[in-house]
Amino acid sequence: MLTDKEKDALERIVKFEDALPADAFNSEANGEYQLGWSWRDVNVHPSILNNLLIKGCLKTKYKSNSYTGYCLTNGGRVLLLTQEAEVGEKEYSDKLELPKDLFSVITGYDEVKELFLRSLQGEPVDFLMVGLPGSSKTMFLSELERIAGATPTVLGGTASKVGIIDILFDYRPIILLLDEFEHLNTKDYTVLLSLCETRIISETKHGKQRRLELSNTRVFAGCNSVRNIPS
């Protein structure tokens, strides 16, 4: 978990990056921060940035003797989100309010849209989208992020650093969004299997067990291939 100083720094970094233009890190567009931002840009001491780097909240985009450029990871956003949640005290609604223009930016895929809407408006059904890059998986996940009660899209590689089970216990989402599903670790697959089959998750740690029923949580995930996913 984050210390108070790390949490304050991460909040500052999130606000800084959210205010940047979409192509700020794009080298092809000659973005202002194509090499990443420095500690001076966010006014955070390098030692704290190093701690956040170790915890998977940041990644290094560029490093030389005179400059180190950073950017925020998806795992950093999720960790901040889970730290702010109050376990056992957070109230949430089982009823989803869907934007009227949900999925309108996506051309085609009418059958997929209909299936997703049925799940969102009825009994929870989980979906794994499989397809090559460019097949609109990420666009669907981005649209689902607009729904209140949905997590930000969590990338498989960073999700395992944070821990899917901690995201579920701390945030208790109505919609769990995952991309690069094939990069999750075995523990995360086990947690998700239990969630999808029983709507219950549990964990035993240091001789203590915690258990949570998430009867209205839906999982929407995307991956390029199922080759490395346990059967």
Protein backbone atom coordinates (compact mmCIF):
# COMPACT_ATOMS: atom_id res chain seq x y z
CA MET A 1 0.00 0.00 0.00
CA LEU A 2 0.97 3.64 -0.33
CA THR A 3 2.33 5.89 2.38
CA ASP A 4 0.66 9.27 2.83
CA LYS A 5 3.49 11.01 0.96
CA GLU A 6 3.31 8.49 -1.89
CA LYS A 7 -0.47 8.85 -2.09
CA ASP A 8 -0.23 12.66 -2.22
CA ALA A 9 2.45 12.41 -4.91
CA LEU A 10 0.41 9.94 -6.96
CA GLU A 11 -2.67 12.16 -6.76
CA ARG A 12 -0.56 15.08 -8.02
CA ILE A 13 0.80 12.97 -10.89
CA VAL A 14 -2.67 11.79 -11.92
CA LYS A 15 -3.94 15.37 -12.04
CA PHE A 16 -0.87 16.42 -14.03
CA GLU A 17 -1.26 13.67 -16.65
CA ASP A 18 -5.03 14.09 -16.91
CA ALA A 19 -4.48 17.72 -17.88
CA LEU A 20 -2.11 16.81 -20.73
CA PRO A 21 -3.24 16.54 -24.37
CA ALA A 22 -3.88 13.02 -25.66
CA ASP A 23 -0.68 12.96 -27.75
CA ALA A 24 1.62 14.32 -25.04
CA PHE A 25 3.60 11.05 -24.86
CA ASN A 26 3.43 10.26 -28.58
CA SER A 27 6.85 10.47 -30.23
CA GLU A 28 5.38 10.33 -33.74
CA ALA A 29 3.31 13.43 -32.96
CA ASN A 30 6.37 15.08 -31.38
CA GLY A 31 4.53 15.21 -28.05
CA GLU A 32 5.88 17.53 -25.38
CA TYR A 33 6.49 14.61 -23.00
CA GLN A 34 7.54 11.93 -25.49
CA LEU A 35 10.50 11.21 -23.20
CA GLY A 36 8.29 11.36 -20.12
CA TRP A 37 8.03 14.05 -17.47
CA SER A 38 10.67 14.78 -14.84
CA TRP A 39 10.40 15.18 -11.08
CA ARG A 40 10.49 18.95 -11.58
CA ASP A 41 7.36 18.84 -13.75
CA VAL A 42 5.27 17.28 -10.97
CA ASN A 43 7.26 18.75 -8.05
CA VAL A 44 7.79 15.35 -6.44
CA HIS A 45 11.14 14.35 -4.94
CA PRO A 46 13.02 11.66 -6.93
CA SER A 47 13.14 9.35 -3.89
CA ILE A 48 9.33 9.22 -3.76
CA LEU A 49 9.18 8.69 -7.52
CA ASN A 50 11.57 5.77 -7.10
CA ASN A 51 9.27 4.23 -4.48
CA LEU A 52 6.30 4.59 -6.83
CA LEU A 53 8.39 3.04 -9.61
CA ILE A 54 9.18 0.01 -7.43
CA LYS A 55 5.48 -0.39 -6.59
CA GLY A 56 4.55 -0.40 -10.27
CA CYS A 57 2.75 2.96 -10.18
CA LEU A 58 5.18 4.55 -12.65
CA LYS A 59 7.39 3.40 -15.48
CA THR A 60 10.53 4.91 -16.97
CA LYS A 61 10.14 6.16 -20.54
CA TYR A 62 13.68 7.47 -20.88
CA LYS A 63 16.82 7.47 -18.76
CA SER A 64 20.22 9.08 -19.24
CA ASN A 65 22.91 10.53 -17.00
CA SER A 66 21.15 13.90 -16.98
CA TYR A 67 17.45 13.08 -17.35
CA THR A 68 14.92 10.49 -16.22
CA GLY A 69 11.48 10.62 -17.81
CA TYR A 70 8.48 8.96 -16.16
CA CYS A 71 4.86 8.24 -16.96
CA LEU A 72 1.98 6.87 -14.92
CA THR A 73 0.95 3.22 -15.27
CA ASN A 74 -2.58 1.89 -15.27
CA GLY A 75 -1.66 -0.01 -12.11
CA GLY A 76 -0.82 3.29 -10.42
CA ARG A 77 -4.29 4.62 -11.11
CA VAL A 78 -5.89 1.45 -9.79
CA LEU A 79 -3.74 1.39 -6.65
CA LEU A 80 -4.72 4.98 -5.88
CA LEU A 81 -8.35 4.07 -6.48
CA THR A 82 -8.25 1.08 -4.14
CA GLN A 83 -6.39 2.98 -1.42
CA GLU A 84 -9.08 5.65 -1.38
CA ALA A 85 -11.88 3.12 -1.02
CA GLU A 86 -13.04 2.35 2.52
CA VAL A 87 -13.40 -1.39 2.92
CA GLY A 88 -16.74 -2.45 4.36
CA GLU A 89 -18.13 1.07 4.43
CA LYS A 90 -18.57 1.89 0.78
CA GLU A 91 -22.15 1.99 -0.45
CA TYR A 92 -22.93 1.30 -4.05
CA SER A 93 -26.02 0.78 -6.15
CA ASP A 94 -26.79 -2.47 -7.94
CA LYS A 95 -28.69 -0.55 -10.60
CA LEU A 96 -26.65 0.67 -13.53
CA GLU A 97 -27.36 3.96 -15.22
CA LEU A 98 -26.18 3.67 -18.80
CA PRO A 99 -25.25 6.65 -20.99
CA LYS A 100 -27.79 7.04 -23.78
CA ASP A 101 -25.02 7.14 -26.38
CA LEU A 102 -23.13 4.11 -25.03
CA PHE A 103 -21.15 2.39 -27.84
CA SER A 104 -22.27 5.01 -30.39
CA VAL A 105 -18.65 5.82 -31.28
CA ILE A 106 -18.08 2.20 -32.36
CA THR A 107 -19.03 1.31 -35.92
CA GLY A 108 -20.59 -2.10 -36.48
CA TYR A 109 -20.50 -4.98 -33.97
CA ASP A 110 -24.27 -4.67 -33.46
CA GLU A 111 -24.60 -8.19 -32.03
CA VAL A 112 -21.82 -7.54 -29.51
CA LYS A 113 -23.44 -4.28 -28.45
CA GLU A 114 -26.77 -6.02 -27.94
CA LEU A 115 -25.20 -8.80 -25.85
CA PHE A 116 -23.35 -6.29 -23.68
CA LEU A 117 -26.48 -4.20 -23.12
CA ARG A 118 -28.47 -7.27 -22.10
CA SER A 119 -25.87 -8.13 -19.49
CA LEU A 120 -25.72 -4.56 -18.21
CA GLN A 121 -29.50 -4.33 -17.90
CA GLY A 122 -30.18 -7.84 -16.60
CA GLU A 123 -28.49 -10.70 -14.79
CA PRO A 124 -24.68 -10.44 -14.75
CA VAL A 125 -22.94 -12.17 -17.64
CA ASP A 126 -19.17 -12.07 -18.11
CA PHE A 127 -17.44 -11.54 -21.45
CA LEU A 128 -13.97 -12.19 -22.85
CA MET A 129 -13.34 -10.44 -26.16
CA VAL A 130 -10.70 -12.19 -28.27
CA GLY A 131 -9.29 -10.63 -31.42
CA LEU A 132 -6.30 -9.11 -33.14
CA PRO A 133 -5.23 -5.53 -32.36
CA GLY A 134 -7.57 -3.08 -34.07
CA SER A 135 -10.72 -5.16 -33.53
CA SER A 136 -12.32 -2.55 -31.22
CA LYS A 137 -11.76 -4.44 -27.94
CA THR A 138 -10.17 -1.44 -26.27
CA MET A 139 -12.88 0.87 -27.62
CA PHE A 140 -15.57 -1.28 -26.01
CA LEU A 141 -13.68 -1.24 -22.70
CA SER A 142 -13.25 2.54 -22.93
CA GLU A 143 -16.98 2.97 -23.49
CA LEU A 144 -17.77 0.74 -20.50
CA GLU A 145 -15.53 2.94 -18.33
CA ARG A 146 -18.15 5.68 -18.71
CA ILE A 147 -20.62 3.73 -16.56
CA ALA A 148 -20.72 4.64 -12.87
CA GLY A 149 -19.44 1.70 -10.84
CA ALA A 150 -16.94 0.53 -13.46
CA THR A 151 -13.22 0.33 -12.78
CA PRO A 152 -10.71 1.99 -15.08
CA THR A 153 -9.50 -0.57 -17.61
CA VAL A 154 -6.77 -2.56 -15.88
CA LEU A 155 -3.96 -4.04 -17.99
CA GLY A 156 -3.12 -7.66 -17.28
CA GLY A 157 0.55 -7.03 -16.58
CA THR A 158 -0.08 -4.25 -14.07
CA ALA A 159 -3.16 -5.90 -12.56
CA SER A 160 -1.04 -8.69 -11.16
CA LYS A 161 1.20 -6.18 -9.40
CA VAL A 162 -1.80 -4.60 -7.69
CA GLY A 163 -3.75 -7.84 -7.23
CA ILE A 164 -7.19 -8.45 -8.72
CA ILE A 165 -8.47 -9.67 -5.37
CA ASP A 166 -7.49 -6.40 -3.67
CA ILE A 167 -9.24 -4.40 -6.38
CA LEU A 168 -12.41 -6.44 -5.83
CA PHE A 169 -12.32 -6.26 -2.03
CA ASP A 170 -11.44 -2.58 -1.85
CA TYR A 171 -13.42 -1.10 -4.72
CA ARG A 172 -16.29 -3.63 -5.02
CA PRO A 173 -16.99 -2.68 -8.63
CA ILE A 174 -20.18 -3.42 -10.49
CA ILE A 175 -18.08 -3.70 -13.65
CA LEU A 176 -14.51 -5.00 -13.67
CA LEU A 177 -12.67 -4.08 -16.88
CA LEU A 178 -9.53 -5.94 -17.93
CA ASP A 179 -7.36 -5.67 -21.02
CA GLU A 180 -4.41 -7.88 -22.01
CA PHE A 181 -6.20 -10.64 -20.12
CA GLU A 182 -3.63 -13.20 -21.27
CA HIS A 183 -0.96 -11.50 -19.11
CA LEU A 184 -2.66 -12.09 -15.75
CA ASN A 185 -0.97 -14.43 -13.30
CA THR A 186 -2.34 -17.76 -12.05
CA LYS A 187 -3.64 -16.31 -8.78
CA ASP A 188 -5.66 -13.67 -10.61
CA TYR A 189 -7.15 -16.28 -12.95
CA THR A 190 -8.20 -18.33 -9.91
CA VAL A 191 -9.88 -15.32 -8.30
CA LEU A 192 -11.73 -14.45 -11.51
CA LEU A 193 -12.86 -18.05 -12.01
CA SER A 194 -14.40 -18.06 -8.54
CA LEU A 195 -16.05 -14.70 -9.16
CA CYS A 196 -17.53 -15.73 -12.51
CA GLU A 197 -18.75 -19.13 -11.29
CA THR A 198 -20.05 -18.27 -7.81
CA ARG A 199 -19.97 -14.45 -7.50
CA ILE A 200 -17.95 -15.04 -4.32
CA ILE A 201 -14.28 -14.35 -3.67
CA SER A 202 -12.25 -15.36 -0.64
CA GLU A 203 -8.66 -15.23 0.54
CA THR A 204 -6.71 -16.62 3.48
CA LYS A 205 -3.68 -14.61 4.53
CA HIS A 206 -1.66 -14.83 7.75
CA GLY A 207 -4.20 -17.27 9.17
CA LYS A 208 -7.13 -14.92 8.58
CA GLN A 209 -9.82 -15.38 5.95
CA ARG A 210 -11.83 -12.72 4.20
CA ARG A 211 -14.83 -13.47 2.02
CA LEU A 212 -17.03 -11.26 -0.14
CA GLU A 213 -20.11 -11.85 -2.26
CA LEU A 214 -20.30 -9.73 -5.40
CA SER A 215 -23.62 -10.88 -6.79
CA ASN A 216 -23.94 -8.01 -9.25
CA THR A 217 -20.36 -7.72 -10.50
CA ARG A 218 -19.73 -8.30 -14.20
CA VAL A 219 -16.35 -8.89 -15.85
CA PHE A 220 -15.55 -7.53 -19.31
CA ALA A 221 -12.11 -8.44 -20.60
CA GLY A 222 -10.12 -8.35 -23.81
CA CYS A 223 -7.14 -10.29 -25.14
CA ASN A 224 -5.32 -10.90 -28.41
CA SER A 225 -5.09 -14.66 -27.98
CA VAL A 226 -6.27 -17.37 -25.57
CA ARG A 227 -3.14 -19.45 -26.16
CA ASN A 228 -1.56 -18.65 -22.78
CA ILE A 229 -4.76 -18.59 -20.74
CA PRO A 230 -5.22 -21.63 -18.44
CA SER A 231 -8.11 -23.84 -19.53
